[in-house]
Every structure is written in C-alpha cells, then in structure tokens.
Amino acid sequence: MASTADTPRARQLGAELRAARKAVGMSTQVLGAKLGRSHTHISRWENGKLTPNEADAGAVLGILGITGDERERLLQLAKDAGDPNWVAPGIDRQLAALTEYERTARTIIDVQPLLIPGLLQTADYARSIMIGAGTTRGEADRRVTFRLGRRDVLTRRNPVELVAVIGEQALRYPPCGREVMLEQLHHLAKWAELDNISIHVIPLDHGYSPALEGPFVLLEFDRAKPVVHLEHFRSSTTITDASDVKDYQAAADTVRGDALSADLTTALIKQIADDMERVR
C-alpha cells in the first residue's frame, strides 16, 4: 500500500484539523487524551507525517464539532490521502496544504512567465488580478490579506530561500494599471536586496524555454520529498510523484539557465520602472 505521509491531501487534512482544533481552543494533549493517543501522534497527523484513517478522522471531527458537508469533505481527504498527486477545482481547496508546504520548505523556486510570483506581489497588484478574474471586491480583500500573511516565510528569523524566475512579459505587459505596476516594480527591486531572495528574468528575445509551457512552483525540503504546485484559472494541482517531480526539477534548472543574473535582472527592473515613470 502506498504511503500517505506528506502527500498533498495528508498535508491539507492535517492543516485543517489543526486549524479546527485551535478554533475551539483545544490543545494536542487534550485531544490526544480524548482519543487515547499521545500528543505527538496528534502533531504528526496535523503536519501530514501521518494520516488518520477514516475512523480516527471521524472521531477527531466529532470531538471538534465538525458536521455536515465539511465533515464529509475532510473524511474524503483522509480516504484519498494515498494519492501522490491532487487536482482540485477551486484554488482555495489546496490553500492550507500550500501554506504548510511554504512554511516548511527550504527552497521555493517559482517560475512565472506572465505574472509576478504570488509571494512577491503587492496588495494592489494581487487584488487587481483577482478582481480581473471575477472575484468580488470583498473576497479579493480577504484573499489578499491571507496572501500577505504568507510572506512571513520570507522575512522570519530562518527565512525560506526564494528563487523567482519571471518572464520579461510580466514586467512589460502588466495585468493592472500603470501606478499599481510601478509600485510593484519598486517592491520587486526591494525584495531583490534580501539575501534569501533572488529574482531572475527570462528575456523576451530568449526563444523557447520550459517556462513557456506554463507557471509552476517547486518546493524543496530538508527532510521531505520535493513537491510541485500548479495553479490554473479555476483549479490547482499538487504533484509529489517522484518521476513527475524530477521532470519539473530539470525544467527549473533549465529556466534558471535561461534567465538573466540577479544583478542584470535588478538593473532591468529599475530601467523598466524608470521608463514607466517618464511616461506617467
């Protein structure tokens, strides 16, 4: 039987169980005592290192007071936890798992041919994209607040290393207003000053690059298998299958070779910002 440890659904289930437990103010010790489990066992469920079977998951949900459709959704995650890849309708379906992956990653390689990587987006840039995609203003504000909170992984005491590979199209043909993009460019230049962040641009005239096949995020860890996360218009996919991930690792190496150095990228960002300033 395939292991369910560290699969996308196991991470998602664990993150949601932890959030539900904290919402009712219960410690892992108390929950463990009610289930006849140690608090470390509960912690391993919550970080995706172990996955509760359906019976255990049902017992946890009962103690935490989760019923109805939400209960059925989480039980289905437990049932399907062994699948190494996960395609889900709705970006938010995998958000807890993605956040947990970002929190525990050593390195994040974010390849974005047409947009600024999510962790480096300003609030106005992110909001503009979300509203353009049909999200209501209220929902966009909620998502932006959550996205800005995710950036803590870049500035905490032991920050994750972020390698952002961006297509020059994303800088020159923004999906937002001029003022919003100008602010975004200035913020990119500031992010590039941090030791744990390197930003690289693939030039417009480079020719073919795997980045042209679409965006992807490769997350690598100290003590867990690497993961690939893909976002589409109305769905998202998380991949942990070793063979598939290896292909994305090779693609990541290629696109990094296709891109400009960090210094040349910073100079290009500042040049584009200066050009934009002159035509305001």
C-alpha atoms as a PDB file:
ATOM      1  CA  MET A   1       0.000   0.000   0.000  1.00  0.00           C
ATOM      2  CA  ALA A   2       1.303   3.445  -0.908  1.00  0.00           C
ATOM      3  CA  SER A   3       2.337   5.655   1.976  1.00  0.00           C
ATOM      4  CA  THR A   4       0.079   8.587   2.805  1.00  0.00           C
ATOM      5  CA  ALA A   5       2.858  10.518   4.563  1.00  0.00           C
ATOM      6  CA  ASP A   6       3.467  14.018   3.195  1.00  0.00           C
ATOM      7  CA  THR A   7       1.035  13.642   0.295  1.00  0.00           C
ATOM      8  CA  PRO A   8      -0.883  16.796  -0.695  1.00  0.00           C
ATOM      9  CA  ARG A   9      -4.152  15.564   0.818  1.00  0.00           C
ATOM     10  CA  ALA A  10      -2.395  14.492   4.030  1.00  0.00           C
ATOM     11  CA  ARG A  11      -0.930  17.989   4.388  1.00  0.00           C
ATOM     12  CA  GLN A  12      -4.254  19.628   3.635  1.00  0.00           C
ATOM     13  CA  LEU A  13      -6.147  17.414   6.078  1.00  0.00           C
ATOM     14  CA  GLY A  14      -3.577  17.947   8.807  1.00  0.00           C
ATOM     15  CA  ALA A  15      -3.558  21.721   8.375  1.00  0.00           C
ATOM     16  CA  GLU A  16      -7.354  21.864   8.509  1.00  0.00           C
ATOM     17  CA  LEU A  17      -7.535  19.626  11.580  1.00  0.00           C
ATOM     18  CA  ARG A  18      -5.000  21.856  13.338  1.00  0.00           C
ATOM     19  CA  ALA A  19      -6.972  24.982  12.452  1.00  0.00           C
ATOM     20  CA  ALA A  20     -10.212  23.369  13.690  1.00  0.00           C
ATOM     21  CA  ARG A  21      -8.578  22.287  16.943  1.00  0.00           C
ATOM     22  CA  LYS A  22      -7.186  25.737  17.588  1.00  0.00           C
ATOM     23  CA  ALA A  23     -10.548  27.310  16.748  1.00  0.00           C
ATOM     24  CA  VAL A  24     -12.142  25.504  19.716  1.00  0.00           C
ATOM     25  CA  GLY A  25      -9.193  26.249  21.995  1.00  0.00           C
ATOM     26  CA  MET A  26      -8.126  22.621  22.495  1.00  0.00           C
ATOM     27  CA  SER A  27      -4.515  21.525  22.948  1.00  0.00           C
ATOM     28  CA  THR A  28      -2.976  18.477  21.307  1.00  0.00           C
ATOM     29  CA  GLN A  29      -2.635  16.951  24.791  1.00  0.00           C
ATOM     30  CA  VAL A  30      -6.366  17.250  25.483  1.00  0.00           C
ATOM     31  CA  LEU A  31      -7.358  15.987  22.038  1.00  0.00           C
ATOM     32  CA  GLY A  32      -4.934  13.090  22.347  1.00  0.00           C
ATOM     33  CA  ALA A  33      -6.317  12.140  25.754  1.00  0.00           C
ATOM     34  CA  LYS A  34      -9.851  12.046  24.359  1.00  0.00           C
ATOM     35  CA  LEU A  35      -8.703   9.760  21.536  1.00  0.00           C
ATOM     36  CA  GLY A  36      -6.332   7.590  23.539  1.00  0.00           C
ATOM     37  CA  ARG A  37      -3.375   8.899  21.534  1.00  0.00           C
ATOM     38  CA  SER A  38      -0.234  10.774  22.509  1.00  0.00           C
ATOM     39  CA  HIS A  39       0.029  14.485  21.742  1.00  0.00           C
ATOM     40  CA  THR A  40       2.977  13.731  19.437  1.00  0.00           C
ATOM     41  CA  HIS A  41       0.746  11.398  17.432  1.00  0.00           C
ATOM     42  CA  ILE A  42      -1.794  14.210  17.046  1.00  0.00           C
ATOM     43  CA  SER A  43       1.002  16.548  15.945  1.00  0.00           C
ATOM     44  CA  ARG A  44       2.113  14.078  13.298  1.00  0.00           C
ATOM     45  CA  TRP A  45      -1.443  13.938  11.967  1.00  0.00           C
ATOM     46  CA  GLU A  46      -1.520  17.725  11.842  1.00  0.00           C
ATOM     47  CA  ASN A  47       1.774  18.133   9.993  1.00  0.00           C
ATOM     48  CA  GLY A  48       0.963  15.417   7.459  1.00  0.00           C
ATOM     49  CA  LYS A  49       3.644  12.979   8.623  1.00  0.00           C
ATOM     50  CA  LEU A  50       0.872  10.507   9.448  1.00  0.00           C
ATOM     51  CA  THR A  51      -2.685  10.356   8.163  1.00  0.00           C
ATOM     52  CA  PRO A  52      -5.584   9.265  10.362  1.00  0.00           C
ATOM     53  CA  ASN A  53      -7.725   6.539   8.876  1.00  0.00           C
ATOM     54  CA  GLU A  54     -11.384   7.318   8.268  1.00  0.00           C
ATOM     55  CA  ALA A  55     -12.420   6.074  11.705  1.00  0.00           C
ATOM     56  CA  ASP A  56      -9.801   8.169  13.503  1.00  0.00           C
ATOM     57  CA  ALA A  57     -10.556  11.185  11.346  1.00  0.00           C
ATOM     58  CA  GLY A  58     -14.256  10.777  12.117  1.00  0.00           C
ATOM     59  CA  ALA A  59     -13.516  10.633  15.837  1.00  0.00           C
ATOM     60  CA  VAL A  60     -11.439  13.824  15.665  1.00  0.00           C
ATOM     61  CA  LEU A  61     -14.131  15.645  13.720  1.00  0.00           C
ATOM     62  CA  GLY A  62     -16.755  14.532  16.213  1.00  0.00           C
ATOM     63  CA  ILE A  63     -14.751  15.867  19.155  1.00  0.00           C
ATOM     64  CA  LEU A  64     -14.137  19.160  17.336  1.00  0.00           C
ATOM     65  CA  GLY A  65     -17.827  19.515  16.432  1.00  0.00           C
ATOM     66  CA  ILE A  66     -17.384  19.402  12.653  1.00  0.00           C
ATOM     67  CA  THR A  67     -20.500  18.079  10.942  1.00  0.00           C
ATOM     68  CA  GLY A  68     -22.377  18.048   7.635  1.00  0.00           C
ATOM     69  CA  ASP A  69     -20.700  18.742   4.306  1.00  0.00           C
ATOM     70  CA  GLU A  70     -17.478  19.910   5.957  1.00  0.00           C
ATOM     71  CA  ARG A  71     -17.174  16.606   7.810  1.00  0.00           C
ATOM     72  CA  GLU A  72     -17.732  14.632   4.599  1.00  0.00           C
ATOM     73  CA  ARG A  73     -15.157  16.726   2.725  1.00  0.00           C
ATOM     74  CA  LEU A  74     -12.475  16.107   5.350  1.00  0.00           C
ATOM     75  CA  LEU A  75     -13.283  12.398   5.596  1.00  0.00           C
ATOM     76  CA  GLN A  76     -12.836  12.186   1.827  1.00  0.00           C
ATOM     77  CA  LEU A  77      -9.371  13.749   2.201  1.00  0.00           C
ATOM     78  CA  ALA A  78      -8.482  11.015   4.702  1.00  0.00           C
ATOM     79  CA  LYS A  79      -9.847   8.334   2.387  1.00  0.00           C
ATOM     80  CA  ASP A  80      -7.896   9.565  -0.655  1.00  0.00           C
ATOM     81  CA  ALA A  81      -4.714  10.591   1.168  1.00  0.00           C
ATOM     82  CA  GLY A  82      -2.559   7.969  -0.556  1.00  0.00           C
ATOM     83  CA  ASP A  83      -2.751   9.626  -3.995  1.00  0.00           C
ATOM     84  CA  PRO A  84       0.626  11.353  -4.634  1.00  0.00           C
ATOM     85  CA  ASN A  85      -0.943  13.952  -6.951  1.00  0.00           C
ATOM     86  CA  TRP A  86      -4.024  16.066  -6.350  1.00  0.00           C
ATOM     87  CA  VAL A  87      -6.080  18.057  -8.858  1.00  0.00           C
ATOM     88  CA  ALA A  88      -8.800  20.119  -7.185  1.00  0.00           C
ATOM     89  CA  PRO A  89     -11.406  22.550  -8.518  1.00  0.00           C
ATOM     90  CA  GLY A  90     -11.074  25.892  -6.788  1.00  0.00           C
ATOM     91  CA  ILE A  91      -7.765  27.491  -5.831  1.00  0.00           C
ATOM     92  CA  ASP A  92      -8.738  27.657  -2.143  1.00  0.00           C
ATOM     93  CA  ARG A  93      -9.175  23.875  -1.875  1.00  0.00           C
ATOM     94  CA  GLN A  94      -5.412  23.381  -1.591  1.00  0.00           C
ATOM     95  CA  LEU A  95      -4.506  26.632   0.137  1.00  0.00           C
ATOM     96  CA  ALA A  96      -3.921  25.137   3.599  1.00  0.00           C
ATOM     97  CA  ALA A  97      -1.621  22.480   2.146  1.00  0.00           C
ATOM     98  CA  LEU A  98       0.288  25.033   0.038  1.00  0.00           C
ATOM     99  CA  THR A  99       0.738  27.306   3.054  1.00  0.00           C
ATOM    100  CA  GLU A 100       2.091  24.379   5.071  1.00  0.00           C
ATOM    101  CA  TYR A 101       4.490  23.463   2.266  1.00  0.00           C
ATOM    102  CA  GLU A 102       5.728  27.072   2.090  1.00  0.00           C
ATOM    103  CA  ARG A 103       6.154  27.207   5.864  1.00  0.00           C
ATOM    104  CA  THR A 104       8.323  24.085   5.985  1.00  0.00           C
ATOM    105  CA  ALA A 105      10.248  24.468   2.717  1.00  0.00           C
ATOM    106  CA  ARG A 106      13.962  25.075   2.479  1.00  0.00           C
ATOM    107  CA  THR A 107      13.794  26.467  -1.053  1.00  0.00           C
ATOM    108  CA  ILE A 108      10.944  27.672  -3.255  1.00  0.00           C
ATOM    109  CA  ILE A 109      11.540  28.028  -6.992  1.00  0.00           C
ATOM    110  CA  ASP A 110       8.649  29.965  -8.521  1.00  0.00           C
ATOM    111  CA  VAL A 111       8.537  30.107 -12.317  1.00  0.00           C
ATOM    112  CA  GLN A 112       6.042  32.663 -13.657  1.00  0.00           C
ATOM    113  CA  PRO A 113       6.212  33.619 -17.353  1.00  0.00           C
ATOM    114  CA  LEU A 114       3.344  36.147 -17.313  1.00  0.00           C
ATOM    115  CA  LEU A 115       2.750  37.271 -13.721  1.00  0.00           C
ATOM    116  CA  ILE A 116       4.720  38.354 -10.677  1.00  0.00           C
ATOM    117  CA  PRO A 117       5.143  35.404  -8.259  1.00  0.00           C
ATOM    118  CA  GLY A 118       2.484  35.395  -5.557  1.00  0.00           C
ATOM    119  CA  LEU A 119       4.827  35.796  -2.576  1.00  0.00           C
ATOM    120  CA  LEU A 120       6.318  38.928  -4.171  1.00  0.00           C
ATOM    121  CA  GLN A 121       3.060  40.604  -5.204  1.00  0.00           C
ATOM    122  CA  THR A 122       1.937  43.865  -3.666  1.00  0.00           C
ATOM    123  CA  ALA A 123      -1.570  44.025  -2.246  1.00  0.00           C
ATOM    124  CA  ASP A 124      -2.864  46.204  -5.093  1.00  0.00           C
ATOM    125  CA  TYR A 125      -1.291  44.028  -7.785  1.00  0.00           C
ATOM    126  CA  ALA A 126      -2.769  40.850  -6.296  1.00  0.00           C
ATOM    127  CA  ARG A 127      -6.162  42.483  -5.816  1.00  0.00           C
ATOM    128  CA  SER A 128      -6.200  43.718  -9.398  1.00  0.00           C
ATOM    129  CA  ILE A 129      -5.584  40.207 -10.736  1.00  0.00           C
ATOM    130  CA  MET A 130      -8.222  38.646  -8.514  1.00  0.00           C
ATOM    131  CA  ILE A 131     -10.889  41.179  -9.418  1.00  0.00           C
ATOM    132  CA  GLY A 132      -9.971  40.853 -13.095  1.00  0.00           C
ATOM    133  CA  ALA A 133     -10.560  37.099 -12.781  1.00  0.00           C
ATOM    134  CA  GLY A 134     -14.078  37.708 -11.495  1.00  0.00           C
ATOM    135  CA  THR A 135     -13.583  37.694  -7.724  1.00  0.00           C
ATOM    136  CA  THR A 136     -15.743  40.112  -5.732  1.00  0.00           C
ATOM    137  CA  ARG A 137     -14.002  43.018  -4.019  1.00  0.00           C
ATOM    138  CA  GLY A 138     -14.759  41.611  -0.567  1.00  0.00           C
ATOM    139  CA  GLU A 139     -13.447  38.157  -1.408  1.00  0.00           C
ATOM    140  CA  ALA A 140     -10.398  39.671  -3.113  1.00  0.00           C
ATOM    141  CA  ASP A 141      -9.612  41.680   0.032  1.00  0.00           C
ATOM    142  CA  ARG A 142      -9.867  38.509   2.138  1.00  0.00           C
ATOM    143  CA  ARG A 143      -7.554  36.590  -0.184  1.00  0.00           C
ATOM    144  CA  VAL A 144      -5.053  39.439  -0.368  1.00  0.00           C
ATOM    145  CA  THR A 145      -4.854  39.616   3.433  1.00  0.00           C
ATOM    146  CA  PHE A 146      -4.146  35.899   3.575  1.00  0.00           C
ATOM    147  CA  ARG A 147      -1.552  36.120   0.788  1.00  0.00           C
ATOM    148  CA  LEU A 148       0.309  38.931   2.515  1.00  0.00           C
ATOM    149  CA  GLY A 149       0.392  36.834   5.671  1.00  0.00           C
ATOM    150  CA  ARG A 150       2.068  34.010   3.745  1.00  0.00           C
ATOM    151  CA  ARG A 151       5.025  36.307   3.017  1.00  0.00           C
ATOM    152  CA  ASP A 152       6.219  35.828   6.605  1.00  0.00           C
ATOM    153  CA  VAL A 153       8.223  32.841   5.315  1.00  0.00           C
ATOM    154  CA  LEU A 154      10.487  35.329   3.507  1.00  0.00           C
ATOM    155  CA  THR A 155      11.208  37.610   6.462  1.00  0.00           C
ATOM    156  CA  ARG A 156      11.122  35.393   9.569  1.00  0.00           C
ATOM    157  CA  ARG A 157      14.252  34.550  11.568  1.00  0.00           C
ATOM    158  CA  ASN A 158      15.091  31.494   9.420  1.00  0.00           C
ATOM    159  CA  PRO A 159      13.567  32.505   6.094  1.00  0.00           C
ATOM    160  CA  VAL A 160      12.924  30.255   3.164  1.00  0.00           C
ATOM    161  CA  GLU A 161      15.123  30.755   0.099  1.00  0.00           C
ATOM    162  CA  LEU A 162      13.042  32.033  -2.816  1.00  0.00           C
ATOM    163  CA  VAL A 163      14.225  31.837  -6.412  1.00  0.00           C
ATOM    164  CA  ALA A 164      11.790  33.733  -8.635  1.00  0.00           C
ATOM    165  CA  VAL A 165      12.082  33.262 -12.395  1.00  0.00           C
ATOM    166  CA  ILE A 166       9.874  35.750 -14.221  1.00  0.00           C
ATOM    167  CA  GLY A 167       9.216  36.251 -17.892  1.00  0.00           C
ATOM    168  CA  GLU A 168      10.050  39.753 -19.124  1.00  0.00           C
ATOM    169  CA  GLN A 169       6.447  39.862 -20.401  1.00  0.00           C
ATOM    170  CA  ALA A 170       5.295  40.027 -16.781  1.00  0.00           C
ATOM    171  CA  LEU A 171       7.251  43.250 -16.293  1.00  0.00           C
ATOM    172  CA  ARG A 172       6.412  44.979 -19.576  1.00  0.00           C
ATOM    173  CA  TYR A 173       2.781  43.927 -20.111  1.00  0.00           C
ATOM    174  CA  PRO A 174       1.140  44.161 -16.667  1.00  0.00           C
ATOM    175  CA  PRO A 175      -2.407  42.941 -15.929  1.00  0.00           C
ATOM    176  CA  CYS A 176      -3.085  46.081 -13.894  1.00  0.00           C
ATOM    177  CA  GLY A 177      -2.934  49.876 -14.029  1.00  0.00           C
ATOM    178  CA  ARG A 178       0.318  51.784 -14.531  1.00  0.00           C
ATOM    179  CA  GLU A 179       0.517  53.118 -10.970  1.00  0.00           C
ATOM    180  CA  VAL A 180      -0.105  49.692  -9.499  1.00  0.00           C
ATOM    181  CA  MET A 181       2.597  48.163 -11.688  1.00  0.00           C
ATOM    182  CA  LEU A 182       5.061  50.916 -10.906  1.00  0.00           C
ATOM    183  CA  GLU A 183       4.650  50.228  -7.195  1.00  0.00           C
ATOM    184  CA  GLN A 184       5.071  46.514  -7.909  1.00  0.00           C
ATOM    185  CA  LEU A 185       8.341  47.098  -9.766  1.00  0.00           C
ATOM    186  CA  HIS A 186       9.738  49.179  -6.913  1.00  0.00           C
ATOM    187  CA  HIS A 187       8.791  46.432  -4.463  1.00  0.00           C
ATOM    188  CA  LEU A 188      10.493  43.802  -6.619  1.00  0.00           C
ATOM    189  CA  ALA A 189      13.708  45.806  -6.515  1.00  0.00           C
ATOM    190  CA  LYS A 190      13.477  45.960  -2.708  1.00  0.00           C
ATOM    191  CA  TRP A 191      12.785  42.230  -2.386  1.00  0.00           C
ATOM    192  CA  ALA A 192      15.871  41.557  -4.511  1.00  0.00           C
ATOM    193  CA  GLU A 193      18.037  43.206  -1.846  1.00  0.00           C
ATOM    194  CA  LEU A 194      17.329  40.387   0.633  1.00  0.00           C
ATOM    195  CA  ASP A 195      19.975  37.660   0.835  1.00  0.00           C
ATOM    196  CA  ASN A 196      17.403  34.852   0.710  1.00  0.00           C
ATOM    197  CA  ILE A 197      15.621  36.127  -2.417  1.00  0.00           C
ATOM    198  CA  SER A 198      17.000  36.008  -5.936  1.00  0.00           C
ATOM    199  CA  ILE A 199      14.969  37.285  -8.874  1.00  0.00           C
ATOM    200  CA  HIS A 200      15.788  36.369 -12.462  1.00  0.00           C
ATOM    201  CA  VAL A 201      14.104  37.491 -15.682  1.00  0.00           C
ATOM    202  CA  ILE A 202      13.871  35.461 -18.875  1.00  0.00           C
ATOM    203  CA  PRO A 203      14.391  37.986 -21.720  1.00  0.00           C
ATOM    204  CA  LEU A 204      11.703  38.497 -24.329  1.00  0.00           C
ATOM    205  CA  ASP A 205      14.084  37.518 -27.121  1.00  0.00           C
ATOM    206  CA  HIS A 206      15.376  34.333 -25.479  1.00  0.00           C
ATOM    207  CA  GLY A 207      13.368  31.911 -27.609  1.00  0.00           C
ATOM    208  CA  TYR A 208      11.969  28.650 -26.278  1.00  0.00           C
ATOM    209  CA  SER A 209      12.086  27.971 -22.541  1.00  0.00           C
ATOM    210  CA  PRO A 210      10.151  25.430 -20.436  1.00  0.00           C
ATOM    211  CA  ALA A 211       8.616  28.485 -18.752  1.00  0.00           C
ATOM    212  CA  LEU A 212       6.575  28.999 -21.924  1.00  0.00           C
ATOM    213  CA  GLU A 213       4.735  25.761 -21.110  1.00  0.00           C
ATOM    214  CA  GLY A 214       3.219  27.408 -18.043  1.00  0.00           C
ATOM    215  CA  PRO A 215       3.953  28.517 -14.481  1.00  0.00           C
ATOM    216  CA  PHE A 216       4.951  26.140 -11.690  1.00  0.00           C
ATOM    217  CA  VAL A 217       6.272  26.247  -8.145  1.00  0.00           C
ATOM    218  CA  LEU A 218       8.860  23.717  -6.972  1.00  0.00           C
ATOM    219  CA  LEU A 219       9.201  23.391  -3.191  1.00  0.00           C
ATOM    220  CA  GLU A 220      12.175  21.547  -1.695  1.00  0.00           C
ATOM    221  CA  PHE A 221      12.635  20.492   1.931  1.00  0.00           C
ATOM    222  CA  ASP A 222      15.376  19.342   4.280  1.00  0.00           C
ATOM    223  CA  ARG A 223      13.660  16.137   5.380  1.00  0.00           C
ATOM    224  CA  ALA A 224      10.786  15.542   2.965  1.00  0.00           C
ATOM    225  CA  LYS A 225      10.274  14.844  -0.720  1.00  0.00           C
ATOM    226  CA  PRO A 226      10.031  17.836  -3.090  1.00  0.00           C
ATOM    227  CA  VAL A 227       6.610  18.998  -4.236  1.00  0.00           C
ATOM    228  CA  VAL A 228       5.327  20.815  -7.331  1.00  0.00           C
ATOM    229  CA  HIS A 229       2.322  23.139  -7.157  1.00  0.00           C
ATOM    230  CA  LEU A 230       0.439  24.341 -10.237  1.00  0.00           C
ATOM    231  CA  GLU A 231      -2.297  26.973 -10.354  1.00  0.00           C
ATOM    232  CA  HIS A 232      -4.777  27.212 -13.203  1.00  0.00           C
ATOM    233  CA  PHE A 233      -7.677  29.545 -13.876  1.00  0.00           C
ATOM    234  CA  ARG A 234     -10.203  27.731 -11.693  1.00  0.00           C
ATOM    235  CA  SER A 235      -8.259  24.805 -10.252  1.00  0.00           C
ATOM    236  CA  SER A 236      -4.945  23.835  -8.734  1.00  0.00           C
ATOM    237  CA  THR A 237      -2.742  20.748  -8.779  1.00  0.00           C
ATOM    238  CA  THR A 238      -0.166  19.438  -6.325  1.00  0.00           C
ATOM    239  CA  ILE A 239       2.302  16.801  -7.518  1.00  0.00           C
ATOM    240  CA  THR A 240       4.521  14.593  -5.358  1.00  0.00           C
ATOM    241  CA  ASP A 241       5.026  11.605  -7.665  1.00  0.00           C
ATOM    242  CA  ALA A 242       8.816  11.229  -7.850  1.00  0.00           C
ATOM    243  CA  SER A 243       9.036  10.795 -11.627  1.00  0.00           C
ATOM    244  CA  ASP A 244       6.856  13.828 -12.344  1.00  0.00           C
ATOM    245  CA  VAL A 245       8.676  15.987  -9.809  1.00  0.00           C
ATOM    246  CA  LYS A 246      12.036  15.032 -11.326  1.00  0.00           C
ATOM    247  CA  ASP A 247      10.878  16.425 -14.679  1.00  0.00           C
ATOM    248  CA  TYR A 248       9.968  19.731 -13.045  1.00  0.00           C
ATOM    249  CA  GLN A 249      13.321  19.851 -11.249  1.00  0.00           C
ATOM    250  CA  ALA A 250      15.029  19.511 -14.621  1.00  0.00           C
ATOM    251  CA  ALA A 251      12.797  22.250 -16.040  1.00  0.00           C
ATOM    252  CA  ALA A 252      13.639  24.504 -13.084  1.00  0.00           C
ATOM    253  CA  ASP A 253      17.353  24.051 -13.755  1.00  0.00           C
ATOM    254  CA  THR A 254      16.808  24.898 -17.413  1.00  0.00           C
ATOM    255  CA  VAL A 255      14.788  28.066 -16.835  1.00  0.00           C
ATOM    256  CA  ARG A 256      17.318  29.326 -14.311  1.00  0.00           C
ATOM    257  CA  GLY A 257      19.951  28.920 -17.017  1.00  0.00           C
ATOM    258  CA  ASP A 258      17.704  30.728 -19.495  1.00  0.00           C
ATOM    259  CA  ALA A 259      17.317  33.765 -17.222  1.00  0.00           C
ATOM    260  CA  LEU A 260      19.457  36.813 -16.562  1.00  0.00           C
ATOM    261  CA  SER A 261      21.664  37.015 -13.485  1.00  0.00           C
ATOM    262  CA  ALA A 262      20.225  38.592 -10.354  1.00  0.00           C
ATOM    263  CA  ASP A 263      22.232  41.789 -10.896  1.00  0.00           C
ATOM    264  CA  LEU A 264      21.181  42.170 -14.531  1.00  0.00           C
ATOM    265  CA  THR A 265      17.596  41.446 -13.550  1.00  0.00           C
ATOM    266  CA  THR A 266      17.585  44.165 -10.894  1.00  0.00           C
ATOM    267  CA  ALA A 267      19.020  46.613 -13.410  1.00  0.00           C
ATOM    268  CA  LEU A 268      16.309  45.680 -15.917  1.00  0.00           C
ATOM    269  CA  ILE A 269      13.541  46.089 -13.334  1.00  0.00           C
ATOM    270  CA  LYS A 270      14.806  49.556 -12.434  1.00  0.00           C
ATOM    271  CA  GLN A 271      15.127  50.507 -16.105  1.00  0.00           C
ATOM    272  CA  ILE A 272      11.540  49.467 -16.835  1.00  0.00           C
ATOM    273  CA  ALA A 273      10.353  51.388 -13.763  1.00  0.00           C
ATOM    274  CA  ASP A 274      12.265  54.490 -14.898  1.00  0.00           C
ATOM    275  CA  ASP A 275      10.742  54.232 -18.390  1.00  0.00           C
ATOM    276  CA  MET A 276       7.293  53.922 -16.839  1.00  0.00           C
ATOM    277  CA  GLU A 277       7.936  56.967 -14.650  1.00  0.00           C
ATOM    278  CA  ARG A 278       8.824  59.088 -17.676  1.00  0.00           C
ATOM    279  CA  VAL A 279       5.533  58.433 -19.442  1.00  0.00           C
ATOM    280  CA  ARG A 280       3.243  58.987 -16.439  1.00  0.00           C
END
